C-alpha atoms as a PDB file:
ATOM      1  CA  MET A   1     179.896 127.320   5.639  1.00  0.00           C
ATOM      2  CA  ALA A   2     180.718 123.761   4.551  1.00  0.00           C
ATOM      3  CA  ILE A   3     180.504 121.198   7.350  1.00  0.00           C
ATOM      4  CA  THR A   4     183.731 119.245   6.969  1.00  0.00           C
ATOM      5  CA  ALA A   5     184.589 115.841   8.397  1.00  0.00           C
ATOM      6  CA  ALA A   6     187.313 117.520  10.463  1.00  0.00           C
ATOM      7  CA  LEU A   7     184.746 119.826  12.117  1.00  0.00           C
ATOM      8  CA  VAL A   8     182.445 116.911  12.900  1.00  0.00           C
ATOM      9  CA  LYS A   9     185.389 114.926  14.305  1.00  0.00           C
ATOM     10  CA  GLU A  10     186.437 117.806  16.571  1.00  0.00           C
ATOM     11  CA  LEU A  11     182.906 118.273  17.897  1.00  0.00           C
ATOM     12  CA  ARG A  12     182.594 114.532  18.559  1.00  0.00           C
ATOM     13  CA  GLU A  13     185.870 114.510  20.493  1.00  0.00           C
ATOM     14  CA  ARG A  14     184.843 117.499  22.589  1.00  0.00           C
ATOM     15  CA  THR A  15     181.288 116.393  23.385  1.00  0.00           C
ATOM     16  CA  GLY A  16     181.149 112.604  22.964  1.00  0.00           C
ATOM     17  CA  ALA A  17     177.959 112.976  20.893  1.00  0.00           C
ATOM     18  CA  GLY A  18     177.174 110.860  17.808  1.00  0.00           C
ATOM     19  CA  MET A  19     178.367 111.794  14.321  1.00  0.00           C
ATOM     20  CA  MET A  20     174.917 112.615  12.905  1.00  0.00           C
ATOM     21  CA  GLU A  21     174.040 114.683  15.976  1.00  0.00           C
ATOM     22  CA  CYS A  22     177.294 116.654  15.633  1.00  0.00           C
ATOM     23  CA  LYS A  23     176.619 117.287  11.944  1.00  0.00           C
ATOM     24  CA  LYS A  24     173.088 118.439  12.736  1.00  0.00           C
ATOM     25  CA  PHE A  25     174.188 121.017  15.333  1.00  0.00           C
ATOM     26  CA  LEU A  26     177.070 122.270  13.175  1.00  0.00           C
ATOM     27  CA  THR A  27     174.613 122.795  10.313  1.00  0.00           C
ATOM     28  CA  GLU A  28     172.246 124.704  12.583  1.00  0.00           C
ATOM     29  CA  THR A  29     175.076 126.982  13.779  1.00  0.00           C
ATOM     30  CA  ASP A  30     176.667 127.380  10.327  1.00  0.00           C
ATOM     31  CA  GLY A  31     179.843 125.570  11.370  1.00  0.00           C
ATOM     32  CA  ASP A  32     180.425 127.582  14.568  1.00  0.00           C
ATOM     33  CA  ILE A  33     181.736 124.856  16.874  1.00  0.00           C
ATOM     34  CA  GLU A  34     181.440 126.903  20.089  1.00  0.00           C
ATOM     35  CA  ALA A  35     177.832 127.822  19.297  1.00  0.00           C
ATOM     36  CA  ALA A  36     177.124 124.168  18.484  1.00  0.00           C
ATOM     37  CA  ILE A  37     178.486 123.079  21.876  1.00  0.00           C
ATOM     38  CA  GLU A  38     176.385 125.709  23.670  1.00  0.00           C
ATOM     39  CA  THR A  39     173.220 124.606  21.825  1.00  0.00           C
ATOM     40  CA  MET A  40     173.961 120.956  22.588  1.00  0.00           C
ATOM     41  CA  ARG A  41     174.406 121.761  26.260  1.00  0.00           C
ATOM     42  CA  LYS A  42     171.108 123.656  26.384  1.00  0.00           C
ATOM     43  CA  GLU A  43     169.217 120.851  24.667  1.00  0.00           C
ATOM     44  CA  GLY A  44     171.008 118.316  26.843  1.00  0.00           C
ATOM     45  CA  MET A  45     169.798 120.036  29.986  1.00  0.00           C
ATOM     46  CA  ALA A  46     166.244 119.989  28.652  1.00  0.00           C
ATOM     47  CA  LYS A  47     166.550 116.251  28.038  1.00  0.00           C
ATOM     48  CA  ALA A  48     167.981 115.807  31.523  1.00  0.00           C
ATOM     49  CA  ASP A  49     164.982 117.550  33.077  1.00  0.00           C
ATOM     50  CA  LYS A  50     162.649 115.138  31.259  1.00  0.00           C
ATOM     51  CA  LYS A  51     164.530 112.145  32.690  1.00  0.00           C
ATOM     52  CA  ALA A  52     164.657 113.520  36.244  1.00  0.00           C
ATOM     53  CA  GLY A  53     161.690 111.460  37.459  1.00  0.00           C
ATOM     54  CA  ARG A  54     163.190 108.109  36.529  1.00  0.00           C
ATOM     55  CA  VAL A  55     164.489 105.974  39.411  1.00  0.00           C
ATOM     56  CA  ALA A  56     168.290 105.802  39.686  1.00  0.00           C
ATOM     57  CA  ALA A  57     169.085 103.018  42.147  1.00  0.00           C
ATOM     58  CA  GLU A  58     172.305 101.619  40.682  1.00  0.00           C
ATOM     59  CA  GLY A  59     175.622 103.451  40.806  1.00  0.00           C
ATOM     60  CA  LEU A  60     178.986 103.651  42.531  1.00  0.00           C
ATOM     61  CA  ALA A  61     180.200 104.419  46.056  1.00  0.00           C
ATOM     62  CA  LYS A  62     183.641 106.027  46.182  1.00  0.00           C
ATOM     63  CA  ILE A  63     186.133 106.854  48.938  1.00  0.00           C
ATOM     64  CA  LYS A  64     188.909 109.427  48.571  1.00  0.00           C
ATOM     65  CA  SER A  65     191.533 110.200  51.239  1.00  0.00           C
ATOM     66  CA  SER A  66     194.018 113.044  51.655  1.00  0.00           C
ATOM     67  CA  ASP A  67     197.739 112.288  51.297  1.00  0.00           C
ATOM     68  CA  ASP A  68     198.258 112.401  55.067  1.00  0.00           C
ATOM     69  CA  ASN A  69     195.145 110.245  55.674  1.00  0.00           C
ATOM     70  CA  LYS A  70     193.756 112.780  58.153  1.00  0.00           C
ATOM     71  CA  ASN A  71     190.781 113.665  55.939  1.00  0.00           C
ATOM     72  CA  ALA A  72     188.565 111.412  53.851  1.00  0.00           C
ATOM     73  CA  ILE A  73     185.273 111.544  51.991  1.00  0.00           C
ATOM     74  CA  ILE A  74     182.721 109.027  50.809  1.00  0.00           C
ATOM     75  CA  VAL A  75     180.204 109.713  48.023  1.00  0.00           C
ATOM     76  CA  GLU A  76     177.406 107.819  46.263  1.00  0.00           C
ATOM     77  CA  VAL A  77     176.429 108.635  42.679  1.00  0.00           C
ATOM     78  CA  ASN A  78     173.488 106.813  41.103  1.00  0.00           C
ATOM     79  CA  SER A  79     172.384 105.748  37.645  1.00  0.00           C
ATOM     80  CA  GLU A  80     169.407 103.778  36.354  1.00  0.00           C
ATOM     81  CA  THR A  81     171.320 100.667  35.263  1.00  0.00           C
ATOM     82  CA  ASP A  82     174.411  98.783  36.322  1.00  0.00           C
ATOM     83  CA  PHE A  83     175.651  98.893  32.715  1.00  0.00           C
ATOM     84  CA  VAL A  84     176.218 102.663  32.847  1.00  0.00           C
ATOM     85  CA  THR A  85     178.361 102.399  36.002  1.00  0.00           C
ATOM     86  CA  LYS A  86     180.981 100.460  34.040  1.00  0.00           C
ATOM     87  CA  GLY A  87     181.422 103.208  31.429  1.00  0.00           C
ATOM     88  CA  ASP A  88     184.437 105.537  31.492  1.00  0.00           C
ATOM     89  CA  ASP A  89     182.265 108.684  31.501  1.00  0.00           C
ATOM     90  CA  PHE A  90     180.415 107.681  34.661  1.00  0.00           C
ATOM     91  CA  ILE A  91     183.543 106.439  36.462  1.00  0.00           C
ATOM     92  CA  GLU A  92     185.412 109.669  35.623  1.00  0.00           C
ATOM     93  CA  PHE A  93     182.417 111.724  36.820  1.00  0.00           C
ATOM     94  CA  VAL A  94     182.385 109.949  40.195  1.00  0.00           C
ATOM     95  CA  ASP A  95     186.174 110.359  40.550  1.00  0.00           C
ATOM     96  CA  ALA A  96     185.926 114.067  39.711  1.00  0.00           C
ATOM     97  CA  ILE A  97     183.161 114.589  42.297  1.00  0.00           C
ATOM     98  CA  ALA A  98     185.208 112.792  44.972  1.00  0.00           C
ATOM     99  CA  ASP A  99     188.212 115.056  44.222  1.00  0.00           C
ATOM    100  CA  CYS A 100     185.951 118.116  44.327  1.00  0.00           C
ATOM    101  CA  ILE A 101     184.497 117.206  47.751  1.00  0.00           C
ATOM    102  CA  LEU A 102     187.915 116.478  49.260  1.00  0.00           C
ATOM    103  CA  ALA A 103     189.342 119.754  47.961  1.00  0.00           C
ATOM    104  CA  ASN A 104     186.399 122.066  48.729  1.00  0.00           C
ATOM    105  CA  LYS A 105     184.659 120.427  51.734  1.00  0.00           C
ATOM    106  CA  PRO A 106     181.141 121.619  50.770  1.00  0.00           C
ATOM    107  CA  ALA A 107     178.650 122.063  53.600  1.00  0.00           C
ATOM    108  CA  ASP A 108     175.871 120.129  51.874  1.00  0.00           C
ATOM    109  CA  LEU A 109     174.735 118.496  48.635  1.00  0.00           C
ATOM    110  CA  GLU A 110     173.167 121.676  47.315  1.00  0.00           C
ATOM    111  CA  THR A 111     176.507 123.483  47.610  1.00  0.00           C
ATOM    112  CA  LEU A 112     178.407 120.579  46.028  1.00  0.00           C
ATOM    113  CA  LEU A 113     176.254 120.705  42.892  1.00  0.00           C
ATOM    114  CA  THR A 114     177.259 124.338  42.287  1.00  0.00           C
ATOM    115  CA  LEU A 115     181.012 123.706  42.595  1.00  0.00           C
ATOM    116  CA  PRO A 116     183.278 123.489  39.527  1.00  0.00           C
ATOM    117  CA  LEU A 117     185.037 120.256  38.672  1.00  0.00           C
ATOM    118  CA  ALA A 118     188.637 120.235  37.419  1.00  0.00           C
ATOM    119  CA  SER A 119     187.255 120.647  33.870  1.00  0.00           C
ATOM    120  CA  GLY A 120     185.616 123.952  34.866  1.00  0.00           C
ATOM    121  CA  THR A 121     182.049 122.645  34.471  1.00  0.00           C
ATOM    122  CA  THR A 122     179.930 122.577  37.614  1.00  0.00           C
ATOM    123  CA  VAL A 123     178.919 119.221  39.100  1.00  0.00           C
ATOM    124  CA  GLU A 124     175.262 119.826  38.196  1.00  0.00           C
ATOM    125  CA  ASP A 125     175.966 120.901  34.610  1.00  0.00           C
ATOM    126  CA  ARG A 126     178.228 117.899  34.056  1.00  0.00           C
ATOM    127  CA  ARG A 127     175.523 115.633  35.472  1.00  0.00           C
ATOM    128  CA  LYS A 128     173.015 117.004  32.992  1.00  0.00           C
ATOM    129  CA  GLU A 129     175.492 116.698  30.118  1.00  0.00           C
ATOM    130  CA  LEU A 130     176.012 113.029  30.921  1.00  0.00           C
ATOM    131  CA  ILE A 131     172.264 112.388  31.158  1.00  0.00           C
ATOM    132  CA  ALA A 132     171.838 113.876  27.682  1.00  0.00           C
ATOM    133  CA  LYS A 133     174.772 111.893  26.290  1.00  0.00           C
ATOM    134  CA  ILE A 134     174.053 108.511  27.901  1.00  0.00           C
ATOM    135  CA  GLY A 135     170.266 108.680  28.055  1.00  0.00           C
ATOM    136  CA  GLU A 136     169.787 107.703  31.695  1.00  0.00           C
ATOM    137  CA  ASN A 137     168.878 109.656  34.787  1.00  0.00           C
ATOM    138  CA  MET A 138     171.767 110.164  37.238  1.00  0.00           C
ATOM    139  CA  SER A 139     171.940 111.697  40.678  1.00  0.00           C
ATOM    140  CA  VAL A 140     174.595 112.680  43.184  1.00  0.00           C
ATOM    141  CA  ARG A 141     172.816 111.164  46.161  1.00  0.00           C
ATOM    142  CA  ARG A 142     174.912 111.791  49.292  1.00  0.00           C
ATOM    143  CA  PHE A 143     178.362 112.307  50.734  1.00  0.00           C
ATOM    144  CA  GLU A 144     180.046 112.395  54.142  1.00  0.00           C
ATOM    145  CA  MET A 145     183.399 113.680  55.372  1.00  0.00           C
ATOM    146  CA  ILE A 146     185.795 112.881  58.204  1.00  0.00           C
ATOM    147  CA  GLU A 147     188.205 115.736  58.963  1.00  0.00           C
ATOM    148  CA  ASN A 148     191.322 116.109  61.098  1.00  0.00           C
ATOM    149  CA  ALA A 149     191.132 112.565  62.441  1.00  0.00           C
ATOM    150  CA  ASP A 150     193.726 110.666  64.452  1.00  0.00           C
ATOM    151  CA  VAL A 151     193.290 107.548  62.294  1.00  0.00           C
ATOM    152  CA  ILE A 152     190.886 106.909  59.411  1.00  0.00           C
ATOM    153  CA  GLY A 153     190.226 103.360  58.289  1.00  0.00           C
ATOM    154  CA  THR A 154     188.645 102.743  54.879  1.00  0.00           C
ATOM    155  CA  TYR A 155     187.426  99.701  53.010  1.00  0.00           C
ATOM    156  CA  GLN A 156     185.782  99.374  49.626  1.00  0.00           C
ATOM    157  CA  HIS A 157     183.971  96.124  48.817  1.00  0.00           C
ATOM    158  CA  GLY A 158     183.637  96.125  45.053  1.00  0.00           C
ATOM    159  CA  GLU A 159     181.866  99.229  43.799  1.00  0.00           C
ATOM    160  CA  ARG A 160     178.700  99.051  45.897  1.00  0.00           C
ATOM    161  CA  ILE A 161     179.801  99.081  49.554  1.00  0.00           C
ATOM    162  CA  ALA A 162     182.190 101.652  51.012  1.00  0.00           C
ATOM    163  CA  VAL A 163     183.080 102.252  54.666  1.00  0.00           C
ATOM    164  CA  MET A 164     185.009 104.921  56.563  1.00  0.00           C
ATOM    165  CA  VAL A 165     185.754 104.661  60.281  1.00  0.00           C
ATOM    166  CA  GLU A 166     187.334 107.261  62.570  1.00  0.00           C
ATOM    167  CA  LEU A 167     189.590 105.948  65.330  1.00  0.00           C
ATOM    168  CA  GLU A 168     191.354 107.475  68.273  1.00  0.00           C
ATOM    169  CA  GLY A 169     194.525 105.435  68.772  1.00  0.00           C
ATOM    170  CA  GLY A 170     195.399 102.329  66.811  1.00  0.00           C
ATOM    171  CA  ASP A 171     196.823 102.449  63.305  1.00  0.00           C
ATOM    172  CA  ALA A 172     195.839 102.232  59.629  1.00  0.00           C
ATOM    173  CA  ALA A 173     195.877  98.413  59.629  1.00  0.00           C
ATOM    174  CA  LEU A 174     193.434  98.267  62.552  1.00  0.00           C
ATOM    175  CA  GLY A 175     191.289 100.912  60.884  1.00  0.00           C
ATOM    176  CA  LYS A 176     191.055  98.861  57.704  1.00  0.00           C
ATOM    177  CA  ASP A 177     190.156  95.715  59.674  1.00  0.00           C
ATOM    178  CA  ILE A 178     187.364  97.537  61.515  1.00  0.00           C
ATOM    179  CA  ALA A 179     186.075  99.066  58.261  1.00  0.00           C
ATOM    180  CA  MET A 180     186.076  95.611  56.648  1.00  0.00           C
ATOM    181  CA  HIS A 181     184.124  94.248  59.608  1.00  0.00           C
ATOM    182  CA  ILE A 182     181.532  97.042  59.275  1.00  0.00           C
ATOM    183  CA  ALA A 183     181.156  96.326  55.556  1.00  0.00           C
ATOM    184  CA  ALA A 184     180.435  92.657  56.304  1.00  0.00           C
ATOM    185  CA  SER A 185     178.412  92.881  59.542  1.00  0.00           C
ATOM    186  CA  CYS A 186     176.489  96.134  58.966  1.00  0.00           C
ATOM    187  CA  PRO A 187     176.177  97.401  62.579  1.00  0.00           C
ATOM    188  CA  VAL A 188     173.596 100.102  63.260  1.00  0.00           C
ATOM    189  CA  CYS A 189     175.819 102.151  65.578  1.00  0.00           C
ATOM    190  CA  VAL A 190     179.028 101.981  67.633  1.00  0.00           C
ATOM    191  CA  ALA A 191     177.741 101.376  71.182  1.00  0.00           C
ATOM    192  CA  GLU A 192     174.568 100.359  73.029  1.00  0.00           C
ATOM    193  CA  SER A 193     174.008 103.935  74.230  1.00  0.00           C
ATOM    194  CA  GLU A 194     173.541 105.008  70.582  1.00  0.00           C
ATOM    195  CA  VAL A 195     170.775 102.527  69.730  1.00  0.00           C
ATOM    196  CA  PRO A 196     167.617 104.566  68.967  1.00  0.00           C
ATOM    197  CA  ARG A 197     165.079 104.325  71.797  1.00  0.00           C
ATOM    198  CA  GLU A 198     162.236 103.646  69.324  1.00  0.00           C
ATOM    199  CA  ALA A 199     164.090 100.641  67.860  1.00  0.00           C
ATOM    200  CA  LEU A 200     164.763  99.242  71.333  1.00  0.00           C
ATOM    201  CA  GLU A 201     161.154  99.651  72.457  1.00  0.00           C
ATOM    202  CA  LYS A 202     159.883  98.033  69.264  1.00  0.00           C
ATOM    203  CA  GLU A 203     162.110  94.995  69.803  1.00  0.00           C
ATOM    204  CA  ARG A 204     161.067  94.780  73.475  1.00  0.00           C
ATOM    205  CA  GLU A 205     157.401  94.828  72.421  1.00  0.00           C
ATOM    206  CA  ILE A 206     157.957  92.024  69.902  1.00  0.00           C
ATOM    207  CA  PHE A 207     159.982  89.896  72.322  1.00  0.00           C
ATOM    208  CA  SER A 208     157.382  90.400  75.084  1.00  0.00           C
ATOM    209  CA  ALA A 209     154.564  89.263  72.808  1.00  0.00           C
ATOM    210  CA  GLN A 210     156.536  86.188  71.735  1.00  0.00           C
ATOM    211  CA  ALA A 211     157.494  85.277  75.311  1.00  0.00           C
ATOM    212  CA  ALA A 212     153.916  85.711  76.564  1.00  0.00           C
ATOM    213  CA  GLU A 213     152.804  82.878  74.282  1.00  0.00           C
ATOM    214  CA  SER A 214     155.050  80.468  76.183  1.00  0.00           C
ATOM    215  CA  GLY A 215     152.634  80.494  79.138  1.00  0.00           C
ATOM    216  CA  LYS A 216     155.497  80.892  81.607  1.00  0.00           C
ATOM    217  CA  PRO A 217     155.211  83.012  84.823  1.00  0.00           C
ATOM    218  CA  ALA A 218     155.674  86.786  84.529  1.00  0.00           C
ATOM    219  CA  ASP A 219     159.068  86.842  86.258  1.00  0.00           C
ATOM    220  CA  ILE A 220     160.411  84.187  83.860  1.00  0.00           C
ATOM    221  CA  ILE A 221     158.991  86.073  80.871  1.00  0.00           C
ATOM    222  CA  GLU A 222     160.741  89.240  82.063  1.00  0.00           C
ATOM    223  CA  LYS A 223     164.071  87.422  82.214  1.00  0.00           C
ATOM    224  CA  MET A 224     163.492  85.940  78.755  1.00  0.00           C
ATOM    225  CA  VAL A 225     162.795  89.387  77.308  1.00  0.00           C
ATOM    226  CA  GLU A 226     165.858  90.928  78.963  1.00  0.00           C
ATOM    227  CA  GLY A 227     168.005  88.088  77.595  1.00  0.00           C
ATOM    228  CA  ARG A 228     166.739  88.688  74.071  1.00  0.00           C
ATOM    229  CA  ILE A 229     167.262  92.450  74.380  1.00  0.00           C
ATOM    230  CA  LYS A 230     170.902  91.869  75.378  1.00  0.00           C
ATOM    231  CA  LYS A 231     171.360  89.585  72.387  1.00  0.00           C
ATOM    232  CA  PHE A 232     169.735  92.172  70.099  1.00  0.00           C
ATOM    233  CA  LEU A 233     172.064  94.928  71.359  1.00  0.00           C
ATOM    234  CA  LYS A 234     175.144  92.800  70.699  1.00  0.00           C
ATOM    235  CA  GLU A 235     173.919  92.088  67.164  1.00  0.00           C
ATOM    236  CA  VAL A 236     173.299  95.718  66.157  1.00  0.00           C
ATOM    237  CA  THR A 237     176.248  97.458  67.860  1.00  0.00           C
ATOM    238  CA  LEU A 238     179.777  97.442  66.468  1.00  0.00           C
ATOM    239  CA  LEU A 239     181.348  96.899  69.894  1.00  0.00           C
ATOM    240  CA  GLY A 240     179.111  93.937  70.690  1.00  0.00           C
ATOM    241  CA  GLN A 241     179.621  92.038  67.440  1.00  0.00           C
ATOM    242  CA  PRO A 242     182.093  89.142  67.095  1.00  0.00           C
ATOM    243  CA  PHE A 243     185.047  90.366  65.037  1.00  0.00           C
ATOM    244  CA  VAL A 244     184.836  88.870  61.522  1.00  0.00           C
ATOM    245  CA  LYS A 245     188.495  87.846  61.456  1.00  0.00           C
ATOM    246  CA  ASN A 246     188.308  86.241  64.904  1.00  0.00           C
ATOM    247  CA  PRO A 247     184.731  85.408  66.042  1.00  0.00           C
ATOM    248  CA  ASP A 248     186.022  84.359  69.481  1.00  0.00           C
ATOM    249  CA  GLN A 249     186.758  88.020  70.169  1.00  0.00           C
ATOM    250  CA  THR A 250     184.320  90.956  70.074  1.00  0.00           C
ATOM    251  CA  VAL A 251     185.223  94.198  68.335  1.00  0.00           C
ATOM    252  CA  GLU A 252     185.216  95.875  71.761  1.00  0.00           C
ATOM    253  CA  GLN A 253     187.820  93.391  73.038  1.00  0.00           C
ATOM    254  CA  LEU A 254     189.948  93.923  69.932  1.00  0.00           C
ATOM    255  CA  LEU A 255     189.884  97.700  70.386  1.00  0.00           C
ATOM    256  CA  LYS A 256     190.837  97.449  74.062  1.00  0.00           C
ATOM    257  CA  GLU A 257     193.717  95.157  73.130  1.00  0.00           C
ATOM    258  CA  LYS A 258     194.945  97.776  70.621  1.00  0.00           C
ATOM    259  CA  ASN A 259     194.249 100.701  72.976  1.00  0.00           C
ATOM    260  CA  ALA A 260     191.959 102.308  70.407  1.00  0.00           C
ATOM    261  CA  THR A 261     188.443 103.793  70.306  1.00  0.00           C
ATOM    262  CA  VAL A 262     185.989 104.060  67.421  1.00  0.00           C
ATOM    263  CA  LYS A 263     184.538 107.567  67.366  1.00  0.00           C
ATOM    264  CA  ARG A 264     182.182 106.985  64.428  1.00  0.00           C
ATOM    265  CA  PHE A 265     181.743 105.149  61.171  1.00  0.00           C
ATOM    266  CA  ILE A 266     179.969 105.727  57.852  1.00  0.00           C
ATOM    267  CA  ARG A 267     178.776 102.848  55.682  1.00  0.00           C
ATOM    268  CA  PHE A 268     177.324 103.456  52.202  1.00  0.00           C
ATOM    269  CA  GLU A 269     175.696 100.696  50.196  1.00  0.00           C
ATOM    270  CA  VAL A 270     174.596 101.737  46.727  1.00  0.00           C
ATOM    271  CA  GLY A 271     170.830 102.006  46.360  1.00  0.00           C
ATOM    272  CA  GLU A 272     169.945 101.254  49.994  1.00  0.00           C
ATOM    273  CA  GLY A 273     166.613 102.836  50.854  1.00  0.00           C
ATOM    274  CA  ILE A 274     165.727 103.625  47.241  1.00  0.00           C
ATOM    275  CA  GLU A 275     162.508 101.988  46.119  1.00  0.00           C
ATOM    276  CA  LYS A 276     163.169 100.360  42.774  1.00  0.00           C
ATOM    277  CA  LYS A 277     160.440 100.213  40.172  1.00  0.00           C
ATOM    278  CA  GLU A 278     159.478  96.622  39.420  1.00  0.00           C
ATOM    279  CA  GLU A 279     159.136  96.150  35.683  1.00  0.00           C
ATOM    280  CA  ASN A 280     156.937  93.468  34.128  1.00  0.00           C
ATOM    281  CA  PHE A 281     158.730  92.469  30.930  1.00  0.00           C
ATOM    282  CA  ALA A 282     155.576  91.306  29.120  1.00  0.00           C
ATOM    283  CA  ASP A 283     153.739  94.527  29.980  1.00  0.00           C
ATOM    284  CA  GLU A 284     156.733  96.571  28.837  1.00  0.00           C
ATOM    285  CA  VAL A 285     156.811  94.827  25.453  1.00  0.00           C
ATOM    286  CA  MET A 286     153.068  95.303  25.007  1.00  0.00           C
ATOM    287  CA  ALA A 287     153.347  98.979  25.879  1.00  0.00           C
ATOM    288  CA  GLN A 288     156.011  99.435  23.205  1.00  0.00           C
ATOM    289  CA  ILE A 289     153.911  97.584  20.618  1.00  0.00           C
ATOM    290  CA  LYS A 290     150.915  99.832  21.358  1.00  0.00           C
END
């Protein structure tokens, strides 16, 4: 069967692949466009598997809320470079995943990857298709949900930091202010009682060692350490931090004034905790030459 320009054009529109690649697969399948798409998908998945070991530390964080603002989700999807995150394909993929999570409320990441997107393709298959098309590794890294909440506050700082906060009492405006504060001040937890014991003991050990060098009496050293521990707790807890919009007031004081309570918060920053591979440009060029 003759491979016409119209056939190549249709395959390009349906897959986003290059013209020569479309012509190649149509030739192999004797002009059968459905068979060509299936072959492309199979080869694309093979290419995706080869790229799976490459570090994906860039990406987008996305928040999606229900119409009544009682449910909300936050998701992080990663790519290898910042350039890819600005492309329509990647942005649409992240949006589609956010819609899928909000609609289906999957129990975990493994379940999410098996769910169909609005297009009918599963999350995992679409991920592999995009890897084959764009040429970079991608991963759906994590997501969290807040369900049936009294008030949900959200704040998105650019494309890399996203925050959701669940409140009891208050209103949407307060929720947004608290979420904005969390984005800027990065608290570890809501209250002092939630600070991990290991973290507290580690700080106490460090402060004790520093204070001991002062040569002061033991009772004075003990007071110095306790003072530093109190300061540390205010710095790492949401309630103890000065409110970003009014540093003369703590977040705890603001919440009491508004008769509201923060039940929990979730803060995603793209790439946090992922060890990026440091590339030496000169070595990379030499490797390519060899």
